[in-house]
Protein backbone atom coordinates (compact mmCIF):
# COMPACT_ATOMS: atom_id res chain seq x y z
CA UNK A 1 37.12 -30.47 -37.50
CA UNK A 2 40.68 -29.72 -37.39
CA UNK A 3 42.81 -32.83 -36.93
CA UNK A 4 45.70 -33.22 -34.19
CA UNK A 5 49.01 -33.80 -35.97
CA UNK A 6 50.19 -36.92 -36.62
CA UNK A 7 52.74 -38.53 -32.78
CA UNK A 8 56.19 -38.26 -33.79
CA UNK A 9 59.28 -40.00 -32.97
CA UNK A 10 60.00 -38.17 -29.06
CA UNK A 11 63.82 -37.66 -29.68
CA UNK A 12 66.21 -40.29 -27.51
CA UNK A 13 67.58 -40.52 -23.85
CA UNK A 14 70.95 -38.27 -24.21
CA UNK A 15 73.77 -41.71 -24.21
CA UNK A 16 74.82 -39.68 -21.53
CA UNK A 17 72.23 -40.36 -19.11
CA UNK A 18 71.98 -43.18 -17.50
CA UNK A 19 68.15 -44.00 -15.48
CA UNK A 20 70.18 -46.17 -12.82
CA UNK A 21 72.31 -43.04 -11.36
CA UNK A 22 71.53 -40.62 -8.58
CA UNK A 23 71.87 -37.81 -10.90
CA UNK A 24 69.39 -35.66 -12.81
CA UNK A 25 69.11 -36.00 -15.83
CA UNK A 26 69.60 -32.02 -17.89
CA UNK A 27 66.72 -30.10 -18.05
CA UNK A 28 64.98 -29.14 -21.96
CA UNK A 29 65.85 -26.87 -23.40
CA UNK A 30 64.69 -23.37 -24.16
CA UNK A 31 61.99 -21.51 -26.07
CA UNK A 32 63.78 -20.28 -27.71
CA UNK A 33 66.66 -22.92 -28.42
CA UNK A 34 67.46 -23.93 -32.20
CA UNK A 35 67.91 -27.13 -31.05
CA UNK A 36 65.76 -29.44 -33.98
CA UNK A 37 63.82 -31.78 -31.57
CA UNK A 38 62.86 -28.36 -30.07
CA UNK A 39 61.89 -26.60 -33.78
CA UNK A 40 60.88 -30.21 -35.26
CA UNK A 41 57.98 -30.86 -32.41
CA UNK A 42 55.34 -29.25 -32.20
CA UNK A 43 53.82 -28.95 -29.08
CA UNK A 44 49.81 -30.10 -28.99
CA UNK A 45 48.43 -30.74 -25.38
CA UNK A 46 45.30 -32.77 -26.43
CA UNK A 47 48.49 -35.91 -27.88
CA UNK A 48 48.91 -35.98 -23.98
CA UNK A 49 45.43 -35.57 -22.69
CA UNK A 50 43.20 -38.76 -20.32
CA UNK A 51 40.85 -40.31 -22.56
CA UNK A 52 37.51 -38.93 -22.32
CA UNK A 53 34.73 -41.15 -21.24
CA UNK A 54 31.30 -42.21 -23.05
CA UNK A 55 29.45 -40.34 -20.13
CA UNK A 56 32.18 -37.32 -20.58
CA UNK A 57 31.37 -37.41 -24.44
CA UNK A 58 27.77 -37.29 -23.57
CA UNK A 59 28.03 -34.49 -21.22
CA UNK A 60 29.96 -32.29 -24.25
CA UNK A 61 27.86 -33.33 -26.53
CA UNK A 62 24.31 -31.79 -25.00
CA UNK A 63 26.60 -29.28 -23.93
CA UNK A 64 26.64 -27.91 -27.47
CA UNK A 65 23.38 -28.38 -28.61
CA UNK A 66 21.99 -26.29 -25.40
CA UNK A 67 24.70 -23.68 -26.37
CA UNK A 68 23.13 -23.76 -30.53
CA UNK A 69 19.71 -23.55 -28.97
CA UNK A 70 20.71 -20.52 -27.57
CA UNK A 71 22.24 -19.20 -30.21
CA UNK A 72 19.29 -20.31 -31.90
CA UNK A 73 16.75 -18.60 -29.90
CA UNK A 74 18.23 -15.07 -30.93
CA UNK A 75 16.38 -12.78 -32.41
CA UNK A 76 17.33 -11.30 -35.94
CA UNK A 77 18.19 -7.89 -34.83
CA UNK A 78 20.18 -8.54 -31.78
CA UNK A 79 22.28 -11.05 -34.14
CA UNK A 80 24.27 -8.00 -35.45
CA UNK A 81 26.06 -7.79 -31.91
CA UNK A 82 25.59 -10.90 -30.87
CA UNK A 83 28.51 -12.23 -32.85
CA UNK A 84 28.72 -15.18 -36.09
CA UNK A 85 24.65 -16.63 -36.56
CA UNK A 86 24.17 -19.57 -36.54
CA UNK A 87 22.99 -20.23 -40.24
CA UNK A 88 24.87 -19.06 -42.63
CA UNK A 89 21.97 -17.79 -45.74
CA UNK A 90 23.78 -15.90 -48.76
CA UNK A 91 21.39 -14.26 -51.34
CA UNK A 92 22.27 -15.59 -55.17
CA UNK A 93 21.82 -11.40 -55.79
CA UNK A 94 25.00 -10.74 -54.15
CA UNK A 95 27.02 -14.11 -56.03
CA UNK A 96 27.96 -11.89 -58.91
CA UNK A 97 28.71 -8.42 -56.51
CA UNK A 98 31.78 -6.89 -55.94
CA UNK A 99 33.79 -6.28 -52.87
CA UNK A 100 33.89 -3.01 -52.24
CA UNK A 101 29.30 -3.81 -53.00
CA UNK A 102 29.41 -6.62 -50.72
CA UNK A 103 31.18 -3.57 -48.45
CA UNK A 104 28.42 -1.26 -49.06
CA UNK A 105 26.07 -3.68 -48.14
CA UNK A 106 27.33 -4.46 -45.17
CA UNK A 107 27.36 -1.33 -43.85
CA UNK A 108 24.21 -0.03 -44.40
CA UNK A 109 21.39 -0.99 -42.38
CA UNK A 110 18.36 -0.52 -44.70
CA UNK A 111 19.79 -3.00 -47.10
CA UNK A 112 20.85 -6.03 -45.08
CA UNK A 113 17.12 -4.95 -43.97
CA UNK A 114 16.04 -5.04 -47.59
CA UNK A 115 17.81 -8.27 -48.72
CA UNK A 116 16.91 -9.70 -45.18
CA UNK A 117 13.22 -9.13 -46.38
CA UNK A 118 12.81 -10.21 -49.97
CA UNK A 119 15.37 -13.59 -49.95
CA UNK A 120 15.72 -15.00 -46.34
CA UNK A 121 13.50 -18.13 -46.35
CA UNK A 122 12.24 -17.17 -42.77
CA UNK A 123 11.26 -13.93 -44.06
CA UNK A 124 8.20 -14.19 -45.06
CA UNK A 125 6.88 -16.43 -41.75
CA UNK A 126 8.34 -13.64 -39.91
CA UNK A 127 6.43 -11.07 -42.02
CA UNK A 128 3.67 -12.63 -41.26
CA UNK A 129 3.66 -12.63 -37.75
CA UNK A 130 5.33 -9.09 -37.63
CA UNK A 131 1.62 -7.83 -39.78
CA UNK A 132 -0.35 -9.70 -37.17
CA UNK A 133 0.87 -7.87 -33.73
CA UNK A 134 1.06 -4.43 -35.97
CA UNK A 135 -3.14 -5.80 -36.63
CA UNK A 136 -3.64 -6.81 -33.24
CA UNK A 137 -1.79 -3.31 -31.50
CA UNK A 138 -3.83 -1.68 -34.40
CA UNK A 139 -7.29 -3.19 -32.90
CA UNK A 140 -5.85 -2.57 -29.32
CA UNK A 141 -4.97 1.01 -29.69
CA UNK A 142 -9.62 1.41 -31.35
CA UNK A 143 -10.95 -0.13 -28.23
CA UNK A 144 -8.56 1.71 -26.06
CA UNK A 145 -9.22 5.39 -27.46
CA UNK A 146 -12.87 4.12 -27.21
CA UNK A 147 -12.15 3.16 -23.44
CA UNK A 148 -11.14 6.74 -23.13
CA UNK A 149 -13.91 8.38 -24.28
CA UNK A 150 -16.06 5.44 -21.41
CA UNK A 151 -13.20 6.58 -19.19
CA UNK A 152 -13.50 10.13 -19.12
CA UNK A 153 -17.05 10.75 -19.21
CA UNK A 154 -16.93 7.87 -16.12
CA UNK A 155 -14.95 10.26 -14.79
CA UNK A 156 -16.35 13.82 -15.22
CA UNK A 157 -19.31 12.18 -13.50
CA UNK A 158 -17.94 10.50 -10.48
CA UNK A 159 -17.27 13.84 -9.91
CA UNK A 160 -19.93 16.17 -10.01
CA UNK A 161 -21.29 13.30 -7.95
CA UNK A 162 -17.82 13.77 -5.43
CA UNK A 163 -19.00 18.00 -5.64
CA UNK A 164 -21.97 17.11 -4.75
CA UNK A 165 -21.04 14.68 -2.03
CA UNK A 166 -19.32 17.03 -0.73
CA UNK A 167 -21.65 19.96 -0.76
CA UNK A 168 -24.22 16.92 1.51
CA UNK A 169 -21.76 16.72 4.04
CA UNK A 170 -20.97 20.40 4.11
CA UNK A 171 -25.01 20.78 4.24
CA UNK A 172 -25.09 18.15 7.09
CA UNK A 173 -22.77 19.09 9.10
CA UNK A 174 -24.35 22.51 9.83
CA UNK A 175 -27.30 20.54 10.58
CA UNK A 176 -25.40 18.62 13.11
CA UNK A 177 -24.15 21.54 14.80
CA UNK A 178 -28.07 22.81 15.58
CA UNK A 179 -29.14 19.44 16.44
CA UNK A 180 -27.11 19.95 18.55
CA UNK A 181 -27.51 22.20 19.67
CA UNK A 182 -31.09 22.48 19.68
CA UNK A 183 -30.65 18.87 22.17
CA UNK A 184 -27.26 20.04 24.37
CA UNK A 185 -29.82 21.31 27.16
CA UNK A 186 -31.39 17.88 27.28
CA UNK A 187 -27.57 16.36 27.98
CA UNK A 188 -25.75 14.08 30.37
CA UNK A 189 -24.18 18.08 32.02
CA UNK A 190 -27.26 20.59 31.21
CA UNK A 191 -29.42 18.40 33.24
CA UNK A 192 -27.16 17.48 36.00
CA UNK A 193 -26.24 21.17 36.21
CA UNK A 194 -30.11 22.43 35.74
CA UNK A 195 -30.63 19.76 38.86
CA UNK A 196 -28.69 21.10 40.94
CA UNK A 197 -30.34 24.83 40.47
CA UNK A 198 -33.61 23.10 40.99
CA UNK A 199 -32.50 21.55 43.93
CA UNK A 200 -30.99 24.61 45.11
CA UNK A 201 -34.77 26.61 44.95
CA UNK A 202 -35.75 24.11 46.30
CA UNK A 203 -34.73 25.18 49.57
CA UNK A 204 -34.51 29.05 49.26
CA UNK A 205 -38.19 28.53 48.25
CA UNK A 206 -38.73 27.04 51.66
CA UNK A 207 -36.20 29.01 53.96
CA UNK A 208 -38.31 32.01 52.20
CA UNK A 209 -41.62 30.06 53.12
CA UNK A 210 -40.29 29.98 57.40
CA UNK A 211 -39.00 33.10 57.36
CA UNK A 212 -42.33 34.90 55.67
CA UNK A 213 -44.08 32.65 59.10
CA UNK A 214 -41.63 33.95 61.63
CA UNK A 215 -42.00 37.58 60.62
CA UNK A 216 -45.24 37.77 60.95
CA UNK A 217 -46.06 39.96 64.00
CA UNK A 218 -49.81 38.47 64.80
CA UNK A 219 -51.95 40.94 64.41
CA UNK A 220 -55.17 40.07 63.20
CA UNK A 221 -57.46 40.81 60.61
CA UNK A 222 -60.68 42.41 59.75
CA UNK A 223 -62.19 38.42 59.52
CA UNK A 224 -61.15 37.69 63.19
CA UNK A 225 -58.94 34.38 62.08
CA UNK A 226 -56.76 35.61 65.69
CA UNK A 227 -57.47 34.51 68.69
CA UNK A 228 -57.14 37.11 71.91
CA UNK A 229 -54.97 37.07 74.53
CA UNK A 230 -55.28 35.74 78.64
CA UNK A 231 -57.93 39.58 79.04
CA UNK A 232 -60.83 37.88 77.00
CA UNK A 233 -61.97 38.15 74.40
CA UNK A 234 -61.01 41.37 72.66
CA UNK A 235 -58.92 41.98 75.08
CA UNK A 236 -55.58 43.50 75.16
CA UNK A 237 -51.93 41.17 75.10
CA UNK A 238 -50.62 39.56 71.00
CA UNK A 239 -52.21 37.71 68.83
CA UNK A 240 -52.08 34.24 68.12
CA UNK A 241 -52.34 32.50 65.14
CA UNK A 242 -55.52 31.24 63.59
CA UNK A 243 -54.77 27.58 63.79
CA UNK A 244 -56.36 27.50 59.90
CA UNK A 245 -53.10 29.90 59.18
CA UNK A 246 -51.49 27.37 60.68
CA UNK A 247 -51.63 24.17 59.05
CA UNK A 248 -52.49 25.78 55.84
CA UNK A 249 -48.42 26.93 56.33
CA UNK A 250 -47.80 23.56 57.69
CA UNK A 251 -48.57 21.54 54.59
CA UNK A 252 -46.97 24.12 52.70
CA UNK A 253 -43.66 23.98 54.29
CA UNK A 254 -43.93 20.71 53.86
CA UNK A 255 -44.89 20.57 50.36
CA UNK A 256 -41.67 22.64 48.80
CA UNK A 257 -39.54 20.30 52.26
CA UNK A 258 -40.00 17.24 50.37
CA UNK A 259 -39.23 18.87 46.98
CA UNK A 260 -35.87 19.99 48.41
CA UNK A 261 -35.21 16.64 49.59
CA UNK A 262 -36.29 14.47 47.19
CA UNK A 263 -34.09 16.19 44.16
CA UNK A 264 -31.54 16.56 47.08
CA UNK A 265 -31.57 12.84 46.73
CA UNK A 266 -31.40 12.98 43.00
CA UNK A 267 -28.41 14.34 42.63
CA UNK A 268 -26.91 12.23 45.38
CA UNK A 269 -27.38 9.41 43.26
CA UNK A 270 -26.29 11.33 40.36
CA UNK A 271 -23.06 12.42 41.66
CA UNK A 272 -23.39 8.37 43.45
CA UNK A 273 -22.94 7.33 39.40
CA UNK A 274 -26.15 5.14 40.89
CA UNK A 275 -28.18 6.85 37.67
CA UNK A 276 -28.93 4.33 34.64
CA UNK A 277 -27.91 5.59 31.05
CA UNK A 278 -25.52 7.65 32.92
CA UNK A 279 -22.88 5.53 33.68
């Protein structure tokens, strides 16, 4: 560590300056002045710096140690770009080399690497660590190759399974469409339409039965199922339907109308959302 130069005597105040007077002292000489007091007294800021406390000295020492540790952690390949190394190392084989040889070695990265590997104390340890890392990388590479074959097999199996799954999905969609077509006649809309059609059919049957009964002219047949008019048996006049035919018509008509009203009521309940299961 460089030591600061000893203090020199500061030139006395000029005799013509009176400290008790109100006149300020003359300005100091300029830097290019040839005054002996200017050239003989070197300027050192540390001479006039205030004393450092023990706590500040401890902080400075800790800061320097931290910087040295950071310099020591720099990799070997980066030490040439980060300034001077933390520890100076000169191989013994370079002691008797000429300046030209040293310059040639300095500008050859291969020679520097060879000198480091052959003569540096930390080279065997680093070489062992490097060899271990290379062996580990080689083992990982072999394992990756074996896993690559297994992954290729799994990929092929997965691709085949995916194709089969898509084919089954298409088949299922076709079957689903066929099922929808087969069950379409049992859907709510189809059943409602069939119920409305059945109501119309029952009404049409009852009206046709009524019209067929009213349009009959009442003439008797060979079985004598008609009763004569007011003139007596077998006489002229309009015939009257036998009671047996009237009973058959009334029975048939009531059955058809009952079916009509039943279907109509069911349709009305459905239209009013009063059918369980179809809401």
